[in-house]
Amino acid sequence: MVASCRGVTHEKIVPDPPISRRNADHDHANEVVRKALAHHPVNVSLIAALAPTAAGPAGPDSLFAVRPGISAEEALVPVSMLLKAAEEVSDEITEHASGIERGLIWSLVHSVEMARGVVEALLDGNRRSPS
């Protein structure tokens, strides 16, 4: 980058710092999870140790709500089904997209597949009988 001061051109040595796209709320939530995992007993199922759901809206301005008192395992089953549906819809949309949209949708599909994989692994690991 070149800067000009009083007609004299100077080469900028230090680049501008990168723009931070971090979300402070996400960072805080991640820190809470890290602390909880660090203090969790190793011999107890983490999924079983989670508190049941609290009542709340399914999303901002939603007509639907999450029922209270549902165990984490029970709650993850419909989450997995919703993620599978999102994969299928995204796959269909990808076929009709072009250019940058196709890449963005593919990225969405990949993210949803990874999220579903984690949910399925949690459910499978929790269902496994103790050895």
Protein backbone atom coordinates (compact mmCIF):
# COMPACT_ATOMS: atom_id res chain seq x y z
CA MET A 1 0.00 0.00 0.00
CA VAL A 2 1.28 3.46 -0.81
CA ALA A 3 0.55 6.57 1.30
CA SER A 4 1.14 10.17 0.29
CA CYS A 5 2.03 12.95 2.69
CA ARG A 6 2.78 16.49 1.42
CA GLY A 7 3.49 15.20 -2.03
CA VAL A 8 5.98 12.58 -0.80
CA THR A 9 4.99 8.97 -1.43
CA HIS A 10 5.78 6.44 1.30
CA GLU A 11 5.50 2.66 1.14
CA LYS A 12 3.34 1.38 4.00
CA ILE A 13 5.36 -1.26 5.85
CA VAL A 14 2.78 -2.58 8.33
CA PRO A 15 -0.42 -3.98 6.78
CA ASP A 16 -3.83 -3.09 8.20
CA PRO A 17 -4.96 -5.59 10.81
CA PRO A 18 -7.48 -8.14 9.57
CA ILE A 19 -11.13 -7.32 10.11
CA SER A 20 -12.44 -9.43 12.97
CA ARG A 21 -15.57 -11.34 12.14
CA ARG A 22 -15.75 -12.98 15.57
CA ASN A 23 -19.01 -12.86 17.47
CA ALA A 24 -18.60 -12.08 21.19
CA ASP A 25 -21.79 -13.99 22.05
CA HIS A 26 -20.48 -17.12 20.30
CA ASP A 27 -17.11 -16.75 22.01
CA HIS A 28 -18.84 -16.51 25.40
CA ALA A 29 -21.02 -19.56 24.67
CA ASN A 30 -17.95 -21.56 23.61
CA GLU A 31 -16.16 -20.58 26.83
CA VAL A 32 -19.14 -21.70 28.93
CA VAL A 33 -19.14 -25.08 27.15
CA ARG A 34 -15.36 -25.48 27.56
CA LYS A 35 -15.62 -24.79 31.31
CA ALA A 36 -18.53 -27.21 31.69
CA LEU A 37 -16.62 -29.95 29.86
CA ALA A 38 -13.51 -29.35 31.96
CA HIS A 39 -15.50 -29.87 35.19
CA HIS A 40 -17.60 -32.81 33.95
CA PRO A 41 -16.91 -36.26 35.48
CA VAL A 42 -15.37 -38.57 32.88
CA ASN A 43 -17.43 -41.64 33.83
CA VAL A 44 -20.84 -39.94 33.39
CA SER A 45 -22.58 -39.45 30.05
CA LEU A 46 -22.51 -35.76 29.22
CA ILE A 47 -25.70 -36.02 27.18
CA ALA A 48 -27.48 -37.63 30.14
CA ALA A 49 -26.13 -34.94 32.46
CA LEU A 50 -27.68 -32.13 30.41
CA ALA A 51 -30.76 -30.51 31.89
CA PRO A 52 -34.07 -31.00 30.06
CA THR A 53 -35.28 -28.36 27.65
CA ALA A 54 -36.76 -25.11 28.87
CA ALA A 55 -39.87 -23.69 27.22
CA GLY A 56 -39.18 -21.11 24.57
CA PRO A 57 -39.95 -20.01 21.03
CA ALA A 58 -38.56 -22.11 18.17
CA GLY A 59 -37.13 -18.93 16.65
CA PRO A 60 -37.54 -15.19 16.61
CA ASP A 61 -41.17 -14.22 15.98
CA SER A 62 -42.07 -17.93 15.77
CA LEU A 63 -45.58 -19.26 16.25
CA PHE A 64 -44.00 -22.51 17.44
CA ALA A 65 -42.35 -23.27 20.76
CA VAL A 66 -40.00 -25.82 22.29
CA ARG A 67 -41.76 -27.93 24.91
CA PRO A 68 -40.19 -27.91 28.37
CA GLY A 69 -38.90 -31.06 30.06
CA ILE A 70 -37.55 -32.93 27.01
CA SER A 71 -34.28 -34.81 27.61
CA ALA A 72 -31.24 -33.91 25.52
CA GLU A 73 -31.33 -37.30 23.78
CA GLU A 74 -35.01 -36.96 22.91
CA ALA A 75 -34.43 -33.40 21.66
CA LEU A 76 -31.52 -34.44 19.42
CA VAL A 77 -33.63 -36.96 17.46
CA PRO A 78 -35.84 -34.32 15.77
CA VAL A 79 -32.79 -32.07 15.38
CA SER A 80 -31.17 -34.84 13.34
CA MET A 81 -34.32 -35.20 11.23
CA LEU A 82 -34.46 -31.42 10.64
CA LEU A 83 -30.80 -31.40 9.58
CA LYS A 84 -31.46 -34.31 7.18
CA ALA A 85 -34.36 -32.35 5.65
CA ALA A 86 -32.12 -29.27 5.31
CA GLU A 87 -29.52 -31.43 3.51
CA GLU A 88 -32.10 -32.72 1.04
CA VAL A 89 -33.58 -29.28 0.33
CA SER A 90 -30.11 -27.79 -0.12
CA ASP A 91 -29.13 -30.61 -2.49
CA GLU A 92 -32.20 -29.86 -4.64
CA ILE A 93 -31.50 -26.13 -4.69
CA THR A 94 -27.85 -26.73 -5.63
CA GLU A 95 -28.93 -28.46 -8.85
CA HIS A 96 -30.70 -25.29 -10.02
CA ALA A 97 -28.09 -22.76 -8.88
CA SER A 98 -25.08 -21.46 -10.77
CA GLY A 99 -21.98 -19.46 -10.10
CA ILE A 100 -21.35 -18.18 -6.62
CA GLU A 101 -24.79 -19.27 -5.41
CA ARG A 102 -23.93 -22.89 -6.15
CA GLY A 103 -20.76 -22.62 -4.06
CA LEU A 104 -22.59 -20.96 -1.19
CA ILE A 105 -25.30 -23.60 -1.20
CA TRP A 106 -22.70 -26.38 -1.36
CA SER A 107 -21.02 -24.82 1.68
CA LEU A 108 -24.38 -24.82 3.46
CA VAL A 109 -24.94 -28.49 2.56
CA HIS A 110 -21.50 -29.38 3.87
CA SER A 111 -22.07 -27.50 7.15
CA VAL A 112 -25.45 -29.15 7.69
CA GLU A 113 -23.97 -32.60 6.96
CA MET A 114 -21.23 -32.01 9.53
CA ALA A 115 -23.74 -30.81 12.14
CA ARG A 116 -25.93 -33.84 11.51
CA GLY A 117 -22.90 -36.11 11.78
CA VAL A 118 -22.12 -34.70 15.23
CA VAL A 119 -25.74 -35.11 16.38
CA GLU A 120 -25.84 -38.70 15.09
CA ALA A 121 -22.51 -39.49 16.77
CA LEU A 122 -23.82 -38.11 20.07
CA LEU A 123 -26.98 -40.19 19.79
CA ASP A 124 -25.07 -43.34 18.76
CA GLY A 125 -22.50 -42.90 21.52
CA ASN A 126 -25.18 -42.39 24.13
CA ARG A 127 -27.15 -45.47 22.99
CA ARG A 128 -24.08 -47.73 23.07
CA SER A 129 -24.30 -50.19 25.93
CA PRO A 130 -21.52 -49.92 28.54
CA SER A 131 -18.67 -52.40 28.04
